[in-house]
C-alpha atoms as a PDB file:
ATOM      1  CA  UNK A   1       0.000   0.000   0.000  1.00  0.00           C
ATOM      2  CA  UNK A   2       2.880   2.366   0.709  1.00  0.00           C
ATOM      3  CA  UNK A   3       3.817   2.291  -2.991  1.00  0.00           C
ATOM      4  CA  UNK A   4       0.283   3.323  -3.990  1.00  0.00           C
ATOM      5  CA  UNK A   5       0.412   6.215  -1.514  1.00  0.00           C
ATOM      6  CA  UNK A   6       3.763   7.263  -2.996  1.00  0.00           C
ATOM      7  CA  UNK A   7       2.386   7.156  -6.545  1.00  0.00           C
ATOM      8  CA  UNK A   8      -0.626   9.242  -5.612  1.00  0.00           C
ATOM      9  CA  UNK A   9       1.607  11.813  -3.883  1.00  0.00           C
ATOM     10  CA  UNK A  10       3.354  12.188  -7.253  1.00  0.00           C
ATOM     11  CA  UNK A  11       0.027  12.716  -9.026  1.00  0.00           C
ATOM     12  CA  UNK A  12      -0.023   9.217 -10.525  1.00  0.00           C
ATOM     13  CA  UNK A  13      -3.285   7.379  -9.910  1.00  0.00           C
ATOM     14  CA  UNK A  14      -2.920   3.993  -8.294  1.00  0.00           C
ATOM     15  CA  UNK A  15      -5.061   1.195  -7.023  1.00  0.00           C
ATOM     16  CA  UNK A  16      -4.176  -1.991  -5.243  1.00  0.00           C
ATOM     17  CA  UNK A  17      -5.864  -5.361  -5.333  1.00  0.00           C
ATOM     18  CA  UNK A  18      -6.270  -7.636  -2.351  1.00  0.00           C
ATOM     19  CA  UNK A  19      -8.553 -10.467  -1.411  1.00  0.00           C
ATOM     20  CA  UNK A  20     -11.546  -9.874   0.827  1.00  0.00           C
ATOM     21  CA  UNK A  21      -9.736 -11.624   3.667  1.00  0.00           C
ATOM     22  CA  UNK A  22      -7.497  -8.556   4.028  1.00  0.00           C
ATOM     23  CA  UNK A  23     -10.153  -5.807   4.146  1.00  0.00           C
ATOM     24  CA  UNK A  24      -9.722  -5.115   7.874  1.00  0.00           C
ATOM     25  CA  UNK A  25      -5.940  -5.148   7.684  1.00  0.00           C
ATOM     26  CA  UNK A  26      -5.970  -2.832   4.684  1.00  0.00           C
ATOM     27  CA  UNK A  27      -8.232  -0.373   6.490  1.00  0.00           C
ATOM     28  CA  UNK A  28      -5.935  -0.357   9.534  1.00  0.00           C
ATOM     29  CA  UNK A  29      -2.830   0.138   7.396  1.00  0.00           C
ATOM     30  CA  UNK A  30      -4.453   2.972   5.439  1.00  0.00           C
ATOM     31  CA  UNK A  31      -5.411   4.662   8.699  1.00  0.00           C
ATOM     32  CA  UNK A  32      -1.877   4.251  10.045  1.00  0.00           C
ATOM     33  CA  UNK A  33      -0.480   5.826   6.866  1.00  0.00           C
ATOM     34  CA  UNK A  34      -3.055   8.618   6.912  1.00  0.00           C
ATOM     35  CA  UNK A  35      -4.081   7.603   3.424  1.00  0.00           C
ATOM     36  CA  UNK A  36      -7.188   6.593   1.540  1.00  0.00           C
ATOM     37  CA  UNK A  37      -5.857   4.707  -1.480  1.00  0.00           C
ATOM     38  CA  UNK A  38      -8.131   3.130  -4.051  1.00  0.00           C
ATOM     39  CA  UNK A  39      -8.557  -0.577  -3.523  1.00  0.00           C
ATOM     40  CA  UNK A  40     -10.398  -3.384  -5.225  1.00  0.00           C
ATOM     41  CA  UNK A  41     -11.078  -6.472  -3.181  1.00  0.00           C
ATOM     42  CA  UNK A  42     -11.529  -9.801  -4.930  1.00  0.00           C
ATOM     43  CA  UNK A  43     -12.767 -13.116  -3.630  1.00  0.00           C
ATOM     44  CA  UNK A  44     -10.612 -15.122  -1.280  1.00  0.00           C
ATOM     45  CA  UNK A  45      -8.636 -17.288  -1.587  1.00  0.00           C
ATOM     46  CA  UNK A  46      -6.747 -16.952  -4.842  1.00  0.00           C
ATOM     47  CA  UNK A  47      -4.066 -19.431  -3.888  1.00  0.00           C
ATOM     48  CA  UNK A  48      -4.236 -22.641  -5.897  1.00  0.00           C
ATOM     49  CA  UNK A  49      -6.708 -21.203  -8.421  1.00  0.00           C
ATOM     50  CA  UNK A  50      -6.565 -22.438 -11.981  1.00  0.00           C
ATOM     51  CA  UNK A  51      -5.621 -20.051 -14.765  1.00  0.00           C
ATOM     52  CA  UNK A  52      -9.252 -20.015 -15.855  1.00  0.00           C
ATOM     53  CA  UNK A  53     -10.452 -19.143 -12.343  1.00  0.00           C
ATOM     54  CA  UNK A  54      -7.895 -16.351 -12.074  1.00  0.00           C
ATOM     55  CA  UNK A  55      -8.985 -14.981 -15.444  1.00  0.00           C
ATOM     56  CA  UNK A  56     -12.579 -14.974 -14.240  1.00  0.00           C
ATOM     57  CA  UNK A  57     -11.635 -13.144 -11.034  1.00  0.00           C
ATOM     58  CA  UNK A  58      -9.673 -10.588 -13.070  1.00  0.00           C
ATOM     59  CA  UNK A  59     -12.546 -10.123 -15.513  1.00  0.00           C
ATOM     60  CA  UNK A  60     -14.955  -9.426 -12.648  1.00  0.00           C
ATOM     61  CA  UNK A  61     -12.543  -6.893 -11.113  1.00  0.00           C
ATOM     62  CA  UNK A  62     -11.620  -5.086 -14.349  1.00  0.00           C
ATOM     63  CA  UNK A  63     -14.380  -2.469 -14.337  1.00  0.00           C
ATOM     64  CA  UNK A  64     -13.713  -1.549 -10.711  1.00  0.00           C
ATOM     65  CA  UNK A  65      -9.983  -1.260 -11.407  1.00  0.00           C
ATOM     66  CA  UNK A  66     -10.532   0.981 -14.411  1.00  0.00           C
ATOM     67  CA  UNK A  67     -12.999   3.144 -12.491  1.00  0.00           C
ATOM     68  CA  UNK A  68     -10.512   3.565  -9.655  1.00  0.00           C
ATOM     69  CA  UNK A  69      -7.796   4.710 -12.067  1.00  0.00           C
ATOM     70  CA  UNK A  70      -9.771   6.978 -14.364  1.00  0.00           C
ATOM     71  CA  UNK A  71     -10.900  10.317 -13.086  1.00  0.00           C
ATOM     72  CA  UNK A  72     -13.946  11.667 -14.876  1.00  0.00           C
ATOM     73  CA  UNK A  73     -15.023  15.273 -14.827  1.00  0.00           C
END
């Protein structure tokens, strides 16, 4: 998460991806850093997923990732 905070401080949009298992930890870390980075949570676990399952997870997250990176006026 620190890298995302650094990117945003430089004016470069960033978003990180984590599994739903880490939502609480991510919130605590963001609070500790004084940051509110964009995040997309995906289903847990991803360990031992097939390539096809990972592609499906990525497909379902794609719109949220794009939305988090693109600022519309």
